PDB file of N, CA and C in Angstrom:
ATOM      1  N   MET A   1      46.319 -56.521  14.904  1.00  0.00           N
ATOM      2  CA  MET A   1      46.969 -55.820  13.807  1.00  0.00           C
ATOM      3  C   MET A   1      48.071 -54.886  14.328  1.00  0.00           C
ATOM      4  N   ILE A   2      47.761 -54.091  15.333  1.00  0.00           N
ATOM      5  CA  ILE A   2      48.737 -53.147  15.888  1.00  0.00           C
ATOM      6  C   ILE A   2      49.893 -53.918  16.548  1.00  0.00           C
ATOM      7  N   LYS A   3      49.544 -55.007  17.219  1.00  0.00           N
ATOM      8  CA  LYS A   3      50.583 -55.794  17.879  1.00  0.00           C
ATOM      9  C   LYS A   3      51.563 -56.365  16.853  1.00  0.00           C
ATOM     10  N   LYS A   4      51.030 -56.827  15.728  1.00  0.00           N
ATOM     11  CA  LYS A   4      51.895 -57.353  14.668  1.00  0.00           C
ATOM     12  C   LYS A   4      52.790 -56.258  14.106  1.00  0.00           C
ATOM     13  N   LEU A   5      52.214 -55.058  13.937  1.00  0.00           N
ATOM     14  CA  LEU A   5      52.991 -53.927  13.435  1.00  0.00           C
ATOM     15  C   LEU A   5      54.120 -53.598  14.412  1.00  0.00           C
ATOM     16  N   ALA A   6      53.807 -53.603  15.715  1.00  0.00           N
ATOM     17  CA  ALA A   6      54.825 -53.312  16.719  1.00  0.00           C
ATOM     18  C   ALA A   6      55.940 -54.349  16.667  1.00  0.00           C
ATOM     19  N   GLU A   7      55.579 -55.614  16.513  1.00  0.00           N
ATOM     20  CA  GLU A   7      56.592 -56.674  16.413  1.00  0.00           C
ATOM     21  C   GLU A   7      57.474 -56.470  15.186  1.00  0.00           C
ATOM     22  N   GLN A   8      56.855 -56.067  14.071  1.00  0.00           N
ATOM     23  CA  GLN A   8      57.628 -55.827  12.850  1.00  0.00           C
ATOM     24  C   GLN A   8      58.587 -54.657  13.037  1.00  0.00           C
ATOM     25  N   LEU A   9      58.112 -53.601  13.691  1.00  0.00           N
ATOM     26  CA  LEU A   9      58.967 -52.427  13.917  1.00  0.00           C
ATOM     27  C   LEU A   9      60.153 -52.772  14.812  1.00  0.00           C
ATOM     28  N   VAL A  10      59.912 -53.541  15.841  1.00  0.00           N
ATOM     29  CA  VAL A  10      60.972 -53.912  16.769  1.00  0.00           C
ATOM     30  C   VAL A  10      62.039 -54.761  16.076  1.00  0.00           C
ATOM     31  N   ASN A  11      61.631 -55.539  15.103  1.00  0.00           N
ATOM     32  CA  ASN A  11      62.558 -56.454  14.437  1.00  0.00           C
ATOM     33  C   ASN A  11      63.233 -55.863  13.194  1.00  0.00           C
ATOM     34  N   LEU A  12      63.070 -54.577  12.935  1.00  0.00           N
ATOM     35  CA  LEU A  12      63.709 -53.952  11.773  1.00  0.00           C
ATOM     36  C   LEU A  12      65.219 -53.866  11.973  1.00  0.00           C
ATOM     37  N   THR A  13      65.929 -53.971  10.880  1.00  0.00           N
ATOM     38  CA  THR A  13      67.378 -53.767  10.920  1.00  0.00           C
ATOM     39  C   THR A  13      67.655 -52.267  10.877  1.00  0.00           C
ATOM     40  N   ILE A  14      68.892 -51.886  11.119  1.00  0.00           N
ATOM     41  CA  ILE A  14      69.267 -50.466  11.088  1.00  0.00           C
ATOM     42  C   ILE A  14      69.008 -49.883   9.707  1.00  0.00           C
ATOM     43  N   LYS A  15      69.331 -50.637   8.680  1.00  0.00           N
ATOM     44  CA  LYS A  15      69.096 -50.173   7.314  1.00  0.00           C
ATOM     45  C   LYS A  15      67.596 -49.940   7.077  1.00  0.00           C
ATOM     46  N   GLN A  16      66.760 -50.854   7.572  1.00  0.00           N
ATOM     47  CA  GLN A  16      65.312 -50.712   7.403  1.00  0.00           C
ATOM     48  C   GLN A  16      64.770 -49.527   8.209  1.00  0.00           C
ATOM     49  N   VAL A  17      65.316 -49.300   9.388  1.00  0.00           N
ATOM     50  CA  VAL A  17      64.898 -48.155  10.205  1.00  0.00           C
ATOM     51  C   VAL A  17      65.228 -46.857   9.479  1.00  0.00           C
ATOM     52  N   ASN A  18      66.420 -46.771   8.893  1.00  0.00           N
ATOM     53  CA  ASN A  18      66.803 -45.576   8.135  1.00  0.00           C
ATOM     54  C   ASN A  18      65.875 -45.374   6.938  1.00  0.00           C
ATOM     55  N   GLU A  19      65.533 -46.457   6.275  1.00  0.00           N
ATOM     56  CA  GLU A  19      64.628 -46.374   5.121  1.00  0.00           C
ATOM     57  C   GLU A  19      63.235 -45.913   5.567  1.00  0.00           C
ATOM     58  N   LEU A  20      62.750 -46.468   6.681  1.00  0.00           N
ATOM     59  CA  LEU A  20      61.450 -46.052   7.226  1.00  0.00           C
ATOM     60  C   LEU A  20      61.481 -44.572   7.603  1.00  0.00           C
ATOM     61  N   THR A  21      62.560 -44.133   8.213  1.00  0.00           N
ATOM     62  CA  THR A  21      62.713 -42.724   8.598  1.00  0.00           C
ATOM     63  C   THR A  21      62.627 -41.825   7.375  1.00  0.00           C
ATOM     64  N   ASN A  22      63.315 -42.194   6.298  1.00  0.00           N
ATOM     65  CA  ASN A  22      63.280 -41.389   5.074  1.00  0.00           C
ATOM     66  C   ASN A  22      61.873 -41.346   4.468  1.00  0.00           C
ATOM     67  N   ILE A  23      61.179 -42.477   4.471  1.00  0.00           N
ATOM     68  CA  ILE A  23      59.805 -42.504   3.939  1.00  0.00           C
ATOM     69  C   ILE A  23      58.899 -41.604   4.762  1.00  0.00           C
ATOM     70  N   LEU A  24      59.001 -41.693   6.095  1.00  0.00           N
ATOM     71  CA  LEU A  24      58.162 -40.850   6.961  1.00  0.00           C
ATOM     72  C   LEU A  24      58.451 -39.363   6.745  1.00  0.00           C
ATOM     73  N   LYS A  25      59.727 -39.029   6.552  1.00  0.00           N
ATOM     74  CA  LYS A  25      60.102 -37.633   6.321  1.00  0.00           C
ATOM     75  C   LYS A  25      59.615 -37.151   4.963  1.00  0.00           C
ATOM     76  N   ASN A  26      59.963 -37.884   3.912  1.00  0.00           N
ATOM     77  CA  ASN A  26      59.705 -37.422   2.545  1.00  0.00           C
ATOM     78  C   ASN A  26      58.242 -37.516   2.128  1.00  0.00           C
ATOM     79  N   GLU A  27      57.563 -38.561   2.504  1.00  0.00           N
ATOM     80  CA  GLU A  27      56.197 -38.766   2.033  1.00  0.00           C
ATOM     81  C   GLU A  27      55.138 -38.221   2.987  1.00  0.00           C
ATOM     82  N   TYR A  28      55.454 -38.174   4.286  1.00  0.00           N
ATOM     83  CA  TYR A  28      54.435 -37.771   5.262  1.00  0.00           C
ATOM     84  C   TYR A  28      54.823 -36.529   6.068  1.00  0.00           C
ATOM     85  N   GLY A  29      56.028 -36.038   5.893  1.00  0.00           N
ATOM     86  CA  GLY A  29      56.456 -34.839   6.617  1.00  0.00           C
ATOM     87  C   GLY A  29      56.625 -35.067   8.112  1.00  0.00           C
ATOM     88  N   ILE A  30      56.861 -36.313   8.502  1.00  0.00           N
ATOM     89  CA  ILE A  30      57.037 -36.638   9.920  1.00  0.00           C
ATOM     90  C   ILE A  30      58.529 -36.744  10.210  1.00  0.00           C
ATOM     91  N   TYR A  31      58.997 -35.889  11.112  1.00  0.00           N
ATOM     92  CA  TYR A  31      60.401 -35.876  11.493  1.00  0.00           C
ATOM     93  C   TYR A  31      60.513 -36.263  12.959  1.00  0.00           C
ATOM     94  N   PRO A  32      61.430 -37.144  13.300  1.00  0.00           N
ATOM     95  CA  PRO A  32      61.580 -37.551  14.698  1.00  0.00           C
ATOM     96  C   PRO A  32      61.823 -36.362  15.632  1.00  0.00           C
ATOM     97  N   ASP A  33      62.576 -35.358  15.188  1.00  0.00           N
ATOM     98  CA  ASP A  33      62.837 -34.184  16.020  1.00  0.00           C
ATOM     99  C   ASP A  33      61.549 -33.438  16.336  1.00  0.00           C
ATOM    100  N   ASN A  34      60.630 -33.336  15.368  1.00  0.00           N
ATOM    101  CA  ASN A  34      59.362 -32.652  15.596  1.00  0.00           C
ATOM    102  C   ASN A  34      58.531 -33.375  16.649  1.00  0.00           C
ATOM    103  N   LEU A  35      58.537 -34.685  16.610  1.00  0.00           N
ATOM    104  CA  LEU A  35      57.774 -35.455  17.585  1.00  0.00           C
ATOM    105  C   LEU A  35      58.281 -35.204  18.989  1.00  0.00           C
ATOM    106  N   ILE A  36      59.594 -35.220  19.154  1.00  0.00           N
ATOM    107  CA  ILE A  36      60.183 -35.005  20.477  1.00  0.00           C
ATOM    108  C   ILE A  36      59.906 -33.596  20.970  1.00  0.00           C
ATOM    109  N   SER A  37      60.070 -32.592  20.115  1.00  0.00           N
ATOM    110  CA  SER A  37      59.840 -31.215  20.561  1.00  0.00           C
ATOM    111  C   SER A  37      58.375 -30.979  20.878  1.00  0.00           C
ATOM    112  N   ASN A  38      57.455 -31.622  20.155  1.00  0.00           N
ATOM    113  CA  ASN A  38      56.034 -31.481  20.469  1.00  0.00           C
ATOM    114  C   ASN A  38      55.710 -32.056  21.837  1.00  0.00           C
ATOM    115  N   VAL A  39      56.296 -33.185  22.166  1.00  0.00           N
ATOM    116  CA  VAL A  39      56.069 -33.792  23.476  1.00  0.00           C
ATOM    117  C   VAL A  39      56.647 -32.906  24.566  1.00  0.00           C
ATOM    118  N   VAL A  40      57.863 -32.413  24.360  1.00  0.00           N
ATOM    119  CA  VAL A  40      58.499 -31.541  25.349  1.00  0.00           C
ATOM    120  C   VAL A  40      57.690 -30.265  25.537  1.00  0.00           C
ATOM    121  N   ASN A  41      57.243 -29.642  24.439  1.00  0.00           N
ATOM    122  CA  ASN A  41      56.464 -28.412  24.538  1.00  0.00           C
ATOM    123  C   ASN A  41      55.153 -28.628  25.275  1.00  0.00           C
ATOM    124  N   SER A  42      54.463 -29.724  25.001  1.00  0.00           N
ATOM    125  CA  SER A  42      53.194 -29.961  25.689  1.00  0.00           C
ATOM    126  C   SER A  42      53.425 -30.195  27.177  1.00  0.00           C
ATOM    127  N   ASN A  43      54.521 -30.858  27.547  1.00  0.00           N
ATOM    128  CA  ASN A  43      54.832 -31.043  28.967  1.00  0.00           C
ATOM    129  C   ASN A  43      55.161 -29.721  29.633  1.00  0.00           C
ATOM    130  N   ASN A  44      55.903 -28.852  28.944  1.00  0.00           N
ATOM    131  CA  ASN A  44      56.249 -27.545  29.501  1.00  0.00           C
ATOM    132  C   ASN A  44      55.018 -26.662  29.659  1.00  0.00           C
ATOM    133  N   GLU A  45      54.050 -26.764  28.737  1.00  0.00           N
ATOM    134  CA  GLU A  45      52.825 -25.970  28.865  1.00  0.00           C
ATOM    135  C   GLU A  45      52.075 -26.350  30.125  1.00  0.00           C
ATOM    136  N   ASN A  46      52.045 -27.642  30.459  1.00  0.00           N
ATOM    137  CA  ASN A  46      51.385 -28.077  31.683  1.00  0.00           C
ATOM    138  C   ASN A  46      52.088 -27.505  32.906  1.00  0.00           C
ATOM    139  N   LYS A  47      53.419 -27.453  32.882  1.00  0.00           N
ATOM    140  CA  LYS A  47      54.165 -26.892  34.006  1.00  0.00           C
ATOM    141  C   LYS A  47      53.910 -25.402  34.140  1.00  0.00           C
ATOM    142  N   VAL A  48      53.791 -24.695  33.008  1.00  0.00           N
ATOM    143  CA  VAL A  48      53.512 -23.255  33.044  1.00  0.00           C
ATOM    144  C   VAL A  48      52.140 -23.013  33.645  1.00  0.00           C
ATOM    145  N   ASP A  49      51.136 -23.835  33.279  1.00  0.00           N
ATOM    146  CA  ASP A  49      49.806 -23.684  33.851  1.00  0.00           C
ATOM    147  C   ASP A  49      49.848 -23.857  35.360  1.00  0.00           C
ATOM    148  N   ASP A  50      50.617 -24.839  35.858  1.00  0.00           N
ATOM    149  CA  ASP A  50      50.749 -25.050  37.284  1.00  0.00           C
ATOM    150  C   ASP A  50      51.422 -23.852  37.945  1.00  0.00           C
ATOM    151  N   ALA A  51      52.431 -23.288  37.276  1.00  0.00           N
ATOM    152  CA  ALA A  51      53.160 -22.158  37.843  1.00  0.00           C
ATOM    153  C   ALA A  51      52.284 -20.906  37.893  1.00  0.00           C
ATOM    154  N   ASN A  52      51.332 -20.788  36.956  1.00  0.00           N
ATOM    155  CA  ASN A  52      50.465 -19.616  36.918  1.00  0.00           C
ATOM    156  C   ASN A  52      49.280 -19.724  37.871  1.00  0.00           C
ATOM    157  N   GLU A  53      49.171 -20.839  38.573  1.00  0.00           N
ATOM    158  CA  GLU A  53      48.075 -21.004  39.510  1.00  0.00           C
ATOM    159  C   GLU A  53      48.193 -19.943  40.599  1.00  0.00           C
ATOM    160  N   LYS A  54      47.075 -19.354  40.947  1.00  0.00           N
ATOM    161  CA  LYS A  54      47.055 -18.273  41.915  1.00  0.00           C
ATOM    162  C   LYS A  54      47.498 -18.769  43.284  1.00  0.00           C
ATOM    163  N   SER A  55      48.281 -17.961  43.982  1.00  0.00           N
ATOM    164  CA  SER A  55      48.794 -18.382  45.284  1.00  0.00           C
ATOM    165  C   SER A  55      48.399 -17.444  46.420  1.00  0.00           C
ATOM    166  N   VAL A  56      47.837 -16.277  46.113  1.00  0.00           N
ATOM    167  CA  VAL A  56      47.410 -15.328  47.136  1.00  0.00           C
ATOM    168  C   VAL A  56      45.926 -15.038  46.936  1.00  0.00           C
ATOM    169  N   PHE A  57      45.166 -15.120  48.038  1.00  0.00           N
ATOM    170  CA  PHE A  57      43.714 -14.990  47.942  1.00  0.00           C
ATOM    171  C   PHE A  57      43.174 -13.976  48.941  1.00  0.00           C
ATOM    172  N   ASN A  58      42.069 -13.368  48.558  1.00  0.00           N
ATOM    173  CA  ASN A  58      41.283 -12.526  49.457  1.00  0.00           C
ATOM    174  C   ASN A  58      39.969 -13.244  49.722  1.00  0.00           C
ATOM    175  N   ILE A  59      39.463 -13.106  50.951  1.00  0.00           N
ATOM    176  CA  ILE A  59      38.179 -13.715  51.300  1.00  0.00           C
ATOM    177  C   ILE A  59      37.114 -12.634  51.197  1.00  0.00           C
ATOM    178  N   ILE A  60      36.142 -12.879  50.318  1.00  0.00           N
ATOM    179  CA  ILE A  60      35.052 -11.932  50.088  1.00  0.00           C
ATOM    180  C   ILE A  60      33.759 -12.557  50.605  1.00  0.00           C
ATOM    181  N   LEU A  61      33.092 -11.880  51.520  1.00  0.00           N
ATOM    182  CA  LEU A  61      31.796 -12.334  52.024  1.00  0.00           C
ATOM    183  C   LEU A  61      30.719 -11.868  51.059  1.00  0.00           C
ATOM    184  N   LYS A  62      30.010 -12.832  50.456  1.00  0.00           N
ATOM    185  CA  LYS A  62      28.960 -12.515  49.484  1.00  0.00           C
ATOM    186  C   LYS A  62      27.578 -12.495  50.127  1.00  0.00           C
ATOM    187  N   SER A  63      27.367 -13.364  51.136  1.00  0.00           N
ATOM    188  CA  SER A  63      26.080 -13.458  51.800  1.00  0.00           C
ATOM    189  C   SER A  63      26.291 -14.025  53.195  1.00  0.00           C
ATOM    190  N   SER A  64      25.506 -13.536  54.144  1.00  0.00           N
ATOM    191  CA  SER A  64      25.629 -14.058  55.505  1.00  0.00           C
ATOM    192  C   SER A  64      24.714 -15.247  55.744  1.00  0.00           C
ATOM    193  N   GLY A  65      23.834 -15.531  54.816  1.00  0.00           N
ATOM    194  CA  GLY A  65      22.944 -16.680  54.973  1.00  0.00           C
ATOM    195  C   GLY A  65      21.916 -16.432  56.058  1.00  0.00           C
ATOM    196  N   ASN A  66      21.450 -17.508  56.684  1.00  0.00           N
ATOM    197  CA  ASN A  66      20.387 -17.408  57.693  1.00  0.00           C
ATOM    198  C   ASN A  66      20.901 -17.075  59.083  1.00  0.00           C
ATOM    199  N   SER A  67      22.170 -17.281  59.346  1.00  0.00           N
ATOM    200  CA  SER A  67      22.719 -17.091  60.687  1.00  0.00           C
ATOM    201  C   SER A  67      23.669 -15.902  60.716  1.00  0.00           C
ATOM    202  N   LYS A  68      23.101 -14.718  60.600  1.00  0.00           N
ATOM    203  CA  LYS A  68      23.898 -13.497  60.538  1.00  0.00           C
ATOM    204  C   LYS A  68      24.759 -13.314  61.792  1.00  0.00           C
ATOM    205  N   LEU A  69      24.193 -13.633  62.955  1.00  0.00           N
ATOM    206  CA  LEU A  69      24.918 -13.463  64.212  1.00  0.00           C
ATOM    207  C   LEU A  69      26.167 -14.348  64.249  1.00  0.00           C
ATOM    208  N   SER A  70      26.049 -15.584  63.789  1.00  0.00           N
ATOM    209  CA  SER A  70      27.205 -16.495  63.755  1.00  0.00           C
ATOM    210  C   SER A  70      28.282 -15.968  62.813  1.00  0.00           C
ATOM    211  N   VAL A  71      27.856 -15.388  61.692  1.00  0.00           N
ATOM    212  CA  VAL A  71      28.815 -14.844  60.725  1.00  0.00           C
ATOM    213  C   VAL A  71      29.511 -13.629  61.324  1.00  0.00           C
ATOM    214  N   VAL A  72      28.780 -12.771  62.007  1.00  0.00           N
ATOM    215  CA  VAL A  72      29.379 -11.590  62.656  1.00  0.00           C
ATOM    216  C   VAL A  72      30.421 -12.046  63.678  1.00  0.00           C
ATOM    217  N   LYS A  73      30.077 -13.053  64.492  1.00  0.00           N
ATOM    218  CA  LYS A  73      31.024 -13.562  65.493  1.00  0.00           C
ATOM    219  C   LYS A  73      32.285 -14.117  64.830  1.00  0.00           C
ATOM    220  N   LEU A  74      32.100 -14.841  63.727  1.00  0.00           N
ATOM    221  CA  LEU A  74      33.250 -15.410  63.020  1.00  0.00           C
ATOM    222  C   LEU A  74      34.111 -14.309  62.404  1.00  0.00           C
ATOM    223  N   VAL A  75      33.485 -13.287  61.837  1.00  0.00           N
ATOM    224  CA  VAL A  75      34.238 -12.155  61.271  1.00  0.00           C
ATOM    225  C   VAL A  75      35.036 -11.476  62.380  1.00  0.00           C
ATOM    226  N   LYS A  76      34.411 -11.295  63.526  1.00  0.00           N
ATOM    227  CA  LYS A  76      35.078 -10.668  64.676  1.00  0.00           C
ATOM    228  C   LYS A  76      36.288 -11.498  65.104  1.00  0.00           C
ATOM    229  N   GLU A  77      36.099 -12.820  65.177  1.00  0.00           N
ATOM    230  CA  GLU A  77      37.177 -13.720  65.588  1.00  0.00           C
ATOM    231  C   GLU A  77      38.341 -13.704  64.591  1.00  0.00           C
ATOM    232  N   ILE A  78      38.028 -13.723  63.314  1.00  0.00           N
ATOM    233  CA  ILE A  78      39.061 -13.821  62.278  1.00  0.00           C
ATOM    234  C   ILE A  78      39.803 -12.505  62.082  1.00  0.00           C
ATOM    235  N   THR A  79      39.064 -11.404  62.092  1.00  0.00           N
ATOM    236  CA  THR A  79      39.682 -10.111  61.789  1.00  0.00           C
ATOM    237  C   THR A  79      40.258  -9.418  63.012  1.00  0.00           C
ATOM    238  N   GLY A  80      39.752  -9.758  64.202  1.00  0.00           N
ATOM    239  CA  GLY A  80      40.196  -9.064  65.412  1.00  0.00           C
ATOM    240  C   GLY A  80      39.530  -7.704  65.576  1.00  0.00           C
ATOM    241  N   LYS A  81      38.547  -7.411  64.731  1.00  0.00           N
ATOM    242  CA  LYS A  81      37.826  -6.135  64.826  1.00  0.00           C
ATOM    243  C   LYS A  81      36.803  -6.209  65.953  1.00  0.00           C
ATOM    244  N   GLY A  82      36.278  -5.051  66.305  1.00  0.00           N
ATOM    245  CA  GLY A  82      35.242  -4.995  67.319  1.00  0.00           C
ATOM    246  C   GLY A  82      33.913  -5.497  66.771  1.00  0.00           C
ATOM    247  N   LEU A  83      32.934  -5.638  67.669  1.00  0.00           N
ATOM    248  CA  LEU A  83      31.619  -6.156  67.280  1.00  0.00           C
ATOM    249  C   LEU A  83      30.943  -5.243  66.260  1.00  0.00           C
ATOM    250  N   LYS A  84      30.996  -3.933  66.456  1.00  0.00           N
ATOM    251  CA  LYS A  84      30.342  -2.990  65.528  1.00  0.00           C
ATOM    252  C   LYS A  84      30.992  -3.042  64.151  1.00  0.00           C
ATOM    253  N   GLU A  85      32.327  -3.040  64.091  1.00  0.00           N
ATOM    254  CA  GLU A  85      33.024  -3.093  62.801  1.00  0.00           C
ATOM    255  C   GLU A  85      32.731  -4.407  62.071  1.00  0.00           C
ATOM    256  N   SER A  86      32.674  -5.495  62.826  1.00  0.00           N
ATOM    257  CA  SER A  86      32.373  -6.795  62.232  1.00  0.00           C
ATOM    258  C   SER A  86      30.952  -6.824  61.691  1.00  0.00           C
ATOM    259  N   LYS A  87      30.010  -6.252  62.450  1.00  0.00           N
ATOM    260  CA  LYS A  87      28.614  -6.196  61.995  1.00  0.00           C
ATOM    261  C   LYS A  87      28.502  -5.329  60.743  1.00  0.00           C
ATOM    262  N   ASP A  88      29.230  -4.220  60.705  1.00  0.00           N
ATOM    263  CA  ASP A  88      29.215  -3.348  59.520  1.00  0.00           C
ATOM    264  C   ASP A  88      29.730  -4.094  58.280  1.00  0.00           C
ATOM    265  N   LEU A  89      30.777  -4.904  58.443  1.00  0.00           N
ATOM    266  CA  LEU A  89      31.291  -5.688  57.323  1.00  0.00           C
ATOM    267  C   LEU A  89      30.223  -6.661  56.808  1.00  0.00           C
ATOM    268  N   VAL A  90      29.509  -7.298  57.722  1.00  0.00           N
ATOM    269  CA  VAL A  90      28.490  -8.273  57.337  1.00  0.00           C
ATOM    270  C   VAL A  90      27.280  -7.565  56.715  1.00  0.00           C
ATOM    271  N   ASP A  91      26.991  -6.350  57.163  1.00  0.00           N
ATOM    272  CA  ASP A  91      25.837  -5.611  56.638  1.00  0.00           C
ATOM    273  C   ASP A  91      26.083  -5.015  55.254  1.00  0.00           C
ATOM    274  N   THR A  92      27.333  -4.702  54.917  1.00  0.00           N
ATOM    275  CA  THR A  92      27.641  -4.089  53.621  1.00  0.00           C
ATOM    276  C   THR A  92      28.318  -5.118  52.717  1.00  0.00           C
ATOM    277  N   LEU A  93      27.499  -5.847  51.993  1.00  0.00           N
ATOM    278  CA  LEU A  93      28.003  -6.920  51.135  1.00  0.00           C
ATOM    279  C   LEU A  93      28.143  -6.452  49.702  1.00  0.00           C
ATOM    280  N   PRO A  94      29.069  -6.952  48.941  1.00  0.00           N
ATOM    281  CA  PRO A  94      30.134  -7.865  49.350  1.00  0.00           C
ATOM    282  C   PRO A  94      31.212  -7.132  50.143  1.00  0.00           C
ATOM    283  N   SER A  95      31.826  -7.844  51.076  1.00  0.00           N
ATOM    284  CA  SER A  95      32.868  -7.275  51.935  1.00  0.00           C
ATOM    285  C   SER A  95      34.120  -8.137  51.894  1.00  0.00           C
ATOM    286  N   THR A  96      35.253  -7.471  51.842  1.00  0.00           N
ATOM    287  CA  THR A  96      36.522  -8.192  51.939  1.00  0.00           C
ATOM    288  C   THR A  96      36.805  -8.409  53.415  1.00  0.00           C
ATOM    289  N   ILE A  97      36.850  -9.674  53.810  1.00  0.00           N
ATOM    290  CA  ILE A  97      37.048 -10.017  55.216  1.00  0.00           C
ATOM    291  C   ILE A  97      38.532 -10.102  55.559  1.00  0.00           C
ATOM    292  N   LYS A  98      39.299 -10.747  54.700  1.00  0.00           N
ATOM    293  CA  LYS A  98      40.724 -10.927  54.956  1.00  0.00           C
ATOM    294  C   LYS A  98      41.446 -10.927  53.615  1.00  0.00           C
ATOM    295  N   GLU A  99      42.651 -10.377  53.578  1.00  0.00           N
ATOM    296  CA  GLU A  99      43.408 -10.252  52.336  1.00  0.00           C
ATOM    297  C   GLU A  99      44.747 -10.977  52.420  1.00  0.00           C
ATOM    298  N   SER A 100      45.270 -11.304  51.251  1.00  0.00           N
ATOM    299  CA  SER A 100      46.628 -11.860  51.080  1.00  0.00           C
ATOM    300  C   SER A 100      46.866 -13.139  51.878  1.00  0.00           C
ATOM    301  N   LEU A 101      45.974 -14.102  51.707  1.00  0.00           N
ATOM    302  CA  LEU A 101      46.132 -15.389  52.368  1.00  0.00           C
ATOM    303  C   LEU A 101      46.646 -16.416  51.377  1.00  0.00           C
ATOM    304  N   ASN A 102      47.384 -17.408  51.879  1.00  0.00           N
ATOM    305  CA  ASN A 102      47.771 -18.492  50.985  1.00  0.00           C
ATOM    306  C   ASN A 102      46.552 -19.383  50.742  1.00  0.00           C
ATOM    307  N   LYS A 103      46.677 -20.283  49.800  1.00  0.00           N
ATOM    308  CA  LYS A 103      45.538 -21.088  49.368  1.00  0.00           C
ATOM    309  C   LYS A 103      44.943 -21.908  50.509  1.00  0.00           C
ATOM    310  N   LYS A 104      45.780 -22.539  51.307  1.00  0.00           N
ATOM    311  CA  LYS A 104      45.282 -23.396  52.388  1.00  0.00           C
ATOM    312  C   LYS A 104      44.526 -22.582  53.427  1.00  0.00           C
ATOM    313  N   GLU A 105      45.105 -21.451  53.850  1.00  0.00           N
ATOM    314  CA  GLU A 105      44.430 -20.599  54.838  1.00  0.00           C
ATOM    315  C   GLU A 105      43.091 -20.112  54.305  1.00  0.00           C
ATOM    316  N   ALA A 106      43.080 -19.681  53.052  1.00  0.00           N
ATOM    317  CA  ALA A 106      41.849 -19.170  52.454  1.00  0.00           C
ATOM    318  C   ALA A 106      40.776 -20.252  52.387  1.00  0.00           C
ATOM    319  N   GLU A 107      41.153 -21.453  51.990  1.00  0.00           N
ATOM    320  CA  GLU A 107      40.179 -22.535  51.905  1.00  0.00           C
ATOM    321  C   GLU A 107      39.679 -22.944  53.288  1.00  0.00           C
ATOM    322  N   ASP A 108      40.556 -22.937  54.276  1.00  0.00           N
ATOM    323  CA  ASP A 108      40.142 -23.261  55.648  1.00  0.00           C
ATOM    324  C   ASP A 108      39.121 -22.251  56.168  1.00  0.00           C
ATOM    325  N   LEU A 109      39.405 -20.959  55.945  1.00  0.00           N
ATOM    326  CA  LEU A 109      38.463 -19.934  56.398  1.00  0.00           C
ATOM    327  C   LEU A 109      37.149 -20.008  55.626  1.00  0.00           C
ATOM    328  N   LYS A 110      37.240 -20.284  54.341  1.00  0.00           N
ATOM    329  CA  LYS A 110      36.023 -20.429  53.537  1.00  0.00           C
ATOM    330  C   LYS A 110      35.158 -21.551  54.105  1.00  0.00           C
ATOM    331  N   ASP A 111      35.788 -22.665  54.471  1.00  0.00           N
ATOM    332  CA  ASP A 111      35.039 -23.779  55.070  1.00  0.00           C
ATOM    333  C   ASP A 111      34.362 -23.360  56.370  1.00  0.00           C
ATOM    334  N   LYS A 112      35.071 -22.608  57.208  1.00  0.00           N
ATOM    335  CA  LYS A 112      34.478 -22.143  58.472  1.00  0.00           C
ATOM    336  C   LYS A 112      33.238 -21.297  58.212  1.00  0.00           C
ATOM    337  N   PHE A 113      33.344 -20.375  57.263  1.00  0.00           N
ATOM    338  CA  PHE A 113      32.201 -19.514  56.956  1.00  0.00           C
ATOM    339  C   PHE A 113      31.040 -20.322  56.383  1.00  0.00           C
ATOM    340  N   GLU A 114      31.351 -21.258  55.517  1.00  0.00           N
ATOM    341  CA  GLU A 114      30.285 -22.054  54.906  1.00  0.00           C
ATOM    342  C   GLU A 114      29.586 -22.932  55.932  1.00  0.00           C
ATOM    343  N   ARG A 115      30.301 -23.367  56.967  1.00  0.00           N
ATOM    344  CA  ARG A 115      29.681 -24.175  58.021  1.00  0.00           C
ATOM    345  C   ARG A 115      28.635 -23.385  58.810  1.00  0.00           C
ATOM    346  N   VAL A 116      28.802 -22.058  58.885  1.00  0.00           N
ATOM    347  CA  VAL A 116      27.790 -21.245  59.590  1.00  0.00           C
ATOM    348  C   VAL A 116      26.779 -20.650  58.614  1.00  0.00           C
ATOM    349  N   GLY A 117      26.843 -21.047  57.339  1.00  0.00           N
ATOM    350  CA  GLY A 117      25.823 -20.658  56.377  1.00  0.00           C
ATOM    351  C   GLY A 117      26.169 -19.472  55.486  1.00  0.00           C
ATOM    352  N   ALA A 118      27.366 -18.949  55.581  1.00  0.00           N
ATOM    353  CA  ALA A 118      27.754 -17.798  54.773  1.00  0.00           C
ATOM    354  C   ALA A 118      28.207 -18.247  53.382  1.00  0.00           C
ATOM    355  N   GLU A 119      28.106 -17.318  52.433  1.00  0.00           N
ATOM    356  CA  GLU A 119      28.615 -17.565  51.094  1.00  0.00           C
ATOM    357  C   GLU A 119      29.884 -16.735  50.917  1.00  0.00           C
ATOM    358  N   ILE A 120      30.972 -17.441  50.555  1.00  0.00           N
ATOM    359  CA  ILE A 120      32.295 -16.811  50.448  1.00  0.00           C
ATOM    360  C   ILE A 120      32.834 -16.995  49.044  1.00  0.00           C
ATOM    361  N   GLU A 121      33.539 -15.973  48.571  1.00  0.00           N
ATOM    362  CA  GLU A 121      34.245 -16.058  47.298  1.00  0.00           C
ATOM    363  C   GLU A 121      35.723 -15.816  47.568  1.00  0.00           C
ATOM    364  N   LEU A 122      36.563 -16.634  46.932  1.00  0.00           N
ATOM    365  CA  LEU A 122      38.010 -16.436  47.032  1.00  0.00           C
ATOM    366  C   LEU A 122      38.489 -15.742  45.765  1.00  0.00           C
ATOM    367  N   LYS A 123      39.152 -14.622  45.921  1.00  0.00           N
ATOM    368  CA  LYS A 123      39.680 -13.895  44.764  1.00  0.00           C
ATOM    369  C   LYS A 123      41.163 -13.711  44.928  1.00  0.00           C
TER     370      LYS A 123
END
């Protein structure tokens, strides 16, 4: 049925297309300009959502898991802090481990922490 309708639409003359356009406008309130602007607006909304995606992240340690010593060593390695400062960060949860990272760096560090059993949140 739809295929037949499509064939009929393709084979309309210019006069018939104009008549169809008037019927769609007058009887159904469908305007070709509205259809185009709706499509354009929906595409632009998707682009805005992509543009609003967060690009700077902080790494927050929520839990050290079962291997506290491994997490302390990793915090020390990543932050460059001393052993005592790193242990203090792990002992006082939640702790901000690193700030202002791009998405890839933040996800890479999150993976490292999760491999040693820590729970990390990206904010």
